[in-house]
Amino acid sequence: MAEKVKLSKDGLTIDFKQSDNIPASLKKFRQSHEIEGFYRFVFENDLQKEAHEILDRIVSERKSFKKAEKEKILFAKKTEAAAIAAAERAEKTEIKEAAKAKALAEKMAAKEAAMAEKEKAQAKERAEKEKMLAKAKAEKEKAQAKAKAEKEKAQAKERAEKEKMLAKAKDNKEKALAKAKAEKEKQAKAKAAAQSKKAKPTKAKPAAKKAAPKAKAKPKAKPAAKKPAAKAKVKSKKR
């Protein structure tokens, strides 16, 4: 028979013999000296009820401890999940805010670019308008200068034509005057010849012969009449 269980000196604890041989399975559970000593102590001292209560309390405490640990782990997991969710929400919010800020910045940049393009287009339009106005002004001035030149040319031509007509009229007038003068002289000579014929009947024939050469003076009067016309032409050219 095995030895009785040894108690400690104060009688509060069991003096177990520790062994290095730990049971490897449930079947070899009673091979442990500590377990054997515990059961022997309970049996010898009639402590089955107390041992059962103690074991129940230990099991209950272990269950409570395990439950608390489990709850603690669940709480930690929940807390971690909540923290992860909060971090994700914060990250999403941050991403959303960043995207919003980026969109706003892009919108502002696009607006500024559109305004710059608009100003550029307006400046280009103004430049084109100024260019067109300058071109139209130049063309207008050119047309005015051309019209003025044409007008001056037409006026000069008109003056030249007028001067030519005046010179021609003067020449015709001088010719007419010369012709009238020649006719007058001829008439005067004819009259003088007629008077002289009446005064001297005997000498009428010789007088008639002399008058004939005098009547031939008509061609000489024409060249004399042409000279003033030539002067008038020279004058018109000088003008």
Protein backbone atom coordinates (compact mmCIF):
# COMPACT_ATOMS: atom_id res chain seq x y z
CA MET A 1 0.00 0.00 0.00
CA ALA A 2 1.17 3.47 -0.75
CA GLU A 3 2.31 5.85 1.92
CA LYS A 4 -0.01 8.46 3.42
CA VAL A 5 0.01 11.96 2.14
CA LYS A 6 2.45 14.18 3.92
CA LEU A 7 1.24 17.56 5.04
CA SER A 8 3.28 20.66 5.55
CA LYS A 9 4.41 21.66 9.03
CA ASP A 10 1.54 24.14 9.39
CA GLY A 11 -0.93 21.53 8.09
CA LEU A 12 -2.38 23.91 5.43
CA THR A 13 -0.76 22.50 2.31
CA ILE A 14 0.12 19.08 0.99
CA ASP A 15 3.75 18.24 0.65
CA PHE A 16 3.76 16.75 -2.85
CA LYS A 17 6.62 14.86 -4.27
CA GLN A 18 7.46 16.40 -7.59
CA SER A 19 8.30 14.09 -10.43
CA ASP A 20 9.78 14.78 -13.78
CA ASN A 21 7.63 12.09 -15.37
CA ILE A 22 4.59 13.92 -16.69
CA PRO A 23 1.72 11.69 -17.93
CA ALA A 24 1.56 11.71 -21.70
CA SER A 25 -2.12 10.67 -21.94
CA LEU A 26 -5.34 10.50 -19.89
CA LYS A 27 -4.90 6.80 -19.29
CA LYS A 28 -1.61 7.45 -17.53
CA PHE A 29 -3.15 10.27 -15.51
CA ARG A 30 -2.96 8.40 -12.18
CA GLN A 31 0.69 7.64 -12.67
CA SER A 32 1.44 11.22 -11.52
CA HIS A 33 2.50 11.25 -7.87
CA GLU A 34 0.88 14.67 -7.28
CA ILE A 35 -2.52 13.46 -8.50
CA GLU A 36 -2.23 10.26 -6.53
CA GLY A 37 -1.30 12.15 -3.36
CA PHE A 38 -4.22 14.56 -3.85
CA TYR A 39 -6.78 11.78 -4.22
CA ARG A 40 -5.30 9.89 -1.29
CA PHE A 41 -5.50 13.02 0.89
CA VAL A 42 -9.13 13.62 -0.05
CA PHE A 43 -10.12 10.02 0.56
CA GLU A 44 -8.27 9.59 3.85
CA ASN A 45 -9.68 12.81 5.28
CA ASP A 46 -13.20 12.32 3.91
CA LEU A 47 -13.05 15.56 1.96
CA GLN A 48 -14.89 14.43 -1.17
CA LYS A 49 -17.65 17.01 -0.77
CA GLU A 50 -15.28 19.86 0.02
CA ALA A 51 -12.97 18.79 -2.84
CA HIS A 52 -15.94 18.69 -5.19
CA GLU A 53 -17.00 22.19 -4.13
CA ILE A 54 -13.46 23.44 -4.42
CA LEU A 55 -13.12 21.88 -7.85
CA ASP A 56 -16.50 23.30 -8.89
CA ARG A 57 -15.41 26.73 -7.69
CA ILE A 58 -12.08 26.36 -9.48
CA VAL A 59 -13.85 25.23 -12.66
CA SER A 60 -16.34 28.09 -12.29
CA GLU A 61 -13.55 30.56 -11.72
CA ARG A 62 -11.69 29.18 -14.69
CA LYS A 63 -14.84 29.40 -16.77
CA SER A 64 -15.42 32.96 -15.59
CA PHE A 65 -11.77 33.75 -16.25
CA LYS A 66 -11.99 32.18 -19.69
CA LYS A 67 -15.25 34.02 -20.32
CA ALA A 68 -13.69 37.28 -19.11
CA GLU A 69 -10.64 36.61 -21.25
CA LYS A 70 -12.87 35.76 -24.17
CA GLU A 71 -14.92 38.93 -23.58
CA LYS A 72 -11.73 40.87 -23.16
CA ILE A 73 -10.45 39.43 -26.42
CA LEU A 74 -13.82 40.17 -28.09
CA PHE A 75 -13.80 43.68 -26.66
CA ALA A 76 -10.23 44.14 -27.83
CA LYS A 77 -11.21 42.81 -31.24
CA LYS A 78 -14.27 45.06 -31.30
CA THR A 79 -12.19 48.00 -30.17
CA GLU A 80 -9.59 47.17 -32.78
CA ALA A 81 -12.30 46.73 -35.41
CA ALA A 82 -13.89 50.03 -34.33
CA ALA A 83 -10.48 51.71 -34.46
CA ILE A 84 -9.84 50.18 -37.89
CA ALA A 85 -13.32 51.26 -39.02
CA ALA A 86 -12.73 54.75 -37.61
CA ALA A 87 -9.34 54.84 -39.28
CA GLU A 88 -10.91 53.66 -42.54
CA ARG A 89 -13.67 56.25 -42.18
CA ALA A 90 -11.09 58.91 -41.41
CA GLU A 91 -9.02 57.73 -44.35
CA LYS A 92 -12.11 57.71 -46.56
CA THR A 93 -13.07 61.16 -45.28
CA GLU A 94 -9.52 62.34 -45.84
CA ILE A 95 -9.50 60.82 -49.32
CA LYS A 96 -12.91 62.36 -49.97
CA GLU A 97 -11.73 65.76 -48.70
CA ALA A 98 -8.52 65.42 -50.69
CA ALA A 99 -10.52 64.48 -53.79
CA LYS A 100 -12.88 67.37 -53.12
CA ALA A 101 -9.95 69.77 -52.65
CA LYS A 102 -8.31 68.36 -55.78
CA ALA A 103 -11.54 68.74 -57.76
CA LEU A 104 -11.93 72.29 -56.46
CA ALA A 105 -8.32 73.08 -57.32
CA GLU A 106 -8.78 71.56 -60.78
CA LYS A 107 -12.02 73.51 -61.18
CA MET A 108 -10.29 76.74 -60.15
CA ALA A 109 -7.35 75.96 -62.42
CA ALA A 110 -9.75 75.20 -65.29
CA LYS A 111 -11.64 78.42 -64.55
CA GLU A 112 -8.40 80.43 -64.48
CA ALA A 113 -7.26 78.70 -67.68
CA ALA A 114 -10.63 79.48 -69.30
CA MET A 115 -10.36 83.11 -68.17
CA ALA A 116 -6.79 83.26 -69.51
CA GLU A 117 -7.95 81.75 -72.81
CA LYS A 118 -10.87 84.19 -72.90
CA GLU A 119 -8.55 87.15 -72.25
CA LYS A 120 -6.14 85.81 -74.86
CA ALA A 121 -8.99 85.43 -77.36
CA GLN A 122 -10.25 88.95 -76.52
CA ALA A 123 -6.74 90.36 -76.92
CA LYS A 124 -6.37 88.52 -80.21
CA GLU A 125 -9.78 89.76 -81.33
CA ARG A 126 -8.84 93.33 -80.35
CA ALA A 127 -5.54 93.00 -82.21
CA GLU A 128 -7.35 91.63 -85.27
CA LYS A 129 -9.93 94.40 -85.03
CA GLU A 130 -7.22 97.07 -84.70
CA LYS A 131 -5.36 95.50 -87.59
CA MET A 132 -8.52 95.48 -89.72
CA LEU A 133 -9.28 99.08 -88.74
CA ALA A 134 -5.71 100.12 -89.56
CA LYS A 135 -5.92 98.25 -92.85
CA ALA A 136 -9.32 99.80 -93.64
CA LYS A 137 -7.94 103.24 -92.70
CA ALA A 138 -4.88 102.71 -94.89
CA GLU A 139 -7.06 101.50 -97.76
CA LYS A 140 -9.40 104.47 -97.23
CA GLU A 141 -6.46 106.89 -97.21
CA LYS A 142 -5.04 105.16 -100.26
CA ALA A 143 -8.42 105.36 -102.00
CA GLN A 144 -8.75 109.01 -100.99
CA ALA A 145 -5.23 109.75 -102.24
CA LYS A 146 -5.99 107.89 -105.45
CA ALA A 147 -9.30 109.74 -105.86
CA LYS A 148 -7.54 113.02 -105.13
CA ALA A 149 -4.84 112.19 -107.65
CA GLU A 150 -7.49 111.17 -110.19
CA LYS A 151 -9.43 114.36 -109.45
CA GLU A 152 -6.30 116.47 -109.79
CA LYS A 153 -5.42 114.63 -112.97
CA ALA A 154 -8.97 115.14 -114.30
CA GLN A 155 -8.83 118.81 -113.29
CA ALA A 156 -5.42 119.20 -114.94
CA LYS A 157 -6.75 117.45 -118.05
CA GLU A 158 -9.85 119.63 -117.94
CA ARG A 159 -7.69 122.75 -117.55
CA ALA A 160 -5.48 121.57 -120.40
CA GLU A 161 -8.58 120.91 -122.56
CA LYS A 162 -10.02 124.25 -121.57
CA GLU A 163 -6.76 126.02 -122.33
CA LYS A 164 -6.55 124.14 -125.60
CA MET A 165 -10.11 125.11 -126.45
CA LEU A 166 -9.43 128.70 -125.42
CA ALA A 167 -6.26 128.72 -127.51
CA LYS A 168 -8.16 127.21 -130.41
CA ALA A 169 -10.99 129.71 -129.97
CA LYS A 170 -8.45 132.51 -129.77
CA ASP A 171 -6.72 131.20 -132.87
CA ASN A 172 -10.06 130.92 -134.67
CA LYS A 173 -10.97 134.39 -133.47
CA GLU A 174 -7.65 135.78 -134.66
CA LYS A 175 -8.09 133.96 -137.95
CA ALA A 176 -11.62 135.32 -138.25
CA LEU A 177 -10.39 138.83 -137.40
CA ALA A 178 -7.54 138.48 -139.88
CA LYS A 179 -9.98 137.19 -142.49
CA ALA A 180 -12.44 139.98 -141.69
CA LYS A 181 -9.59 142.48 -141.83
CA ALA A 182 -8.46 141.03 -145.15
CA GLU A 183 -12.03 141.15 -146.43
CA LYS A 184 -12.36 144.71 -145.17
CA GLU A 185 -9.09 145.66 -146.81
CA LYS A 186 -10.20 143.92 -149.97
CA GLN A 187 -13.52 145.73 -149.89
CA ALA A 188 -11.71 148.99 -149.16
CA LYS A 189 -9.35 148.37 -152.04
CA ALA A 190 -12.22 147.40 -154.29
CA LYS A 191 -14.08 150.51 -153.22
CA ALA A 192 -10.99 152.62 -153.77
CA ALA A 193 -10.51 151.01 -157.14
CA ALA A 194 -14.13 151.65 -158.00
CA GLN A 195 -13.82 155.27 -156.92
CA SER A 196 -10.64 155.71 -158.82
CA LYS A 197 -12.26 154.14 -161.87
CA LYS A 198 -15.11 156.55 -161.62
CA ALA A 199 -12.72 159.46 -161.24
CA LYS A 200 -10.47 158.42 -164.13
CA PRO A 201 -12.37 156.53 -166.78
CA THR A 202 -9.54 156.58 -169.32
CA LYS A 203 -7.18 154.90 -166.94
CA ALA A 204 -9.58 152.24 -165.83
CA LYS A 205 -7.86 149.39 -167.61
CA PRO A 206 -4.39 149.93 -166.21
CA ALA A 207 -5.90 150.51 -162.83
CA ALA A 208 -7.70 147.22 -163.13
CA LYS A 209 -4.47 145.53 -164.04
CA LYS A 210 -2.76 147.04 -161.02
CA ALA A 211 -5.64 146.11 -158.79
CA ALA A 212 -5.40 142.46 -159.79
CA PRO A 213 -1.97 142.01 -158.22
CA LYS A 214 -3.26 143.80 -155.13
CA ALA A 215 -6.14 141.35 -154.94
CA LYS A 216 -3.60 138.52 -154.81
CA ALA A 217 -2.47 139.79 -151.43
CA LYS A 218 -5.02 137.45 -149.79
CA PRO A 219 -2.57 134.55 -149.42
CA LYS A 220 -0.12 136.90 -147.70
CA ALA A 221 -2.74 137.86 -145.13
CA LYS A 222 -3.27 134.23 -144.11
CA PRO A 223 0.34 133.56 -143.04
CA ALA A 224 0.25 136.79 -141.07
CA ALA A 225 -2.89 135.56 -139.29
CA LYS A 226 -1.26 132.25 -138.37
CA LYS A 227 1.54 133.84 -136.37
CA PRO A 228 -0.61 134.93 -133.44
CA ALA A 229 -2.11 131.41 -133.30
CA ALA A 230 1.35 129.95 -132.88
CA LYS A 231 2.00 132.37 -130.04
CA ALA A 232 -1.26 131.33 -128.41
CA LYS A 233 -0.20 127.68 -128.57
CA VAL A 234 3.13 128.51 -127.01
CA LYS A 235 1.32 130.39 -124.28
CA SER A 236 -0.99 127.44 -123.62
CA LYS A 237 2.02 125.16 -123.35
CA LYS A 238 3.67 127.49 -120.89
CA ARG A 239 0.53 127.55 -118.82
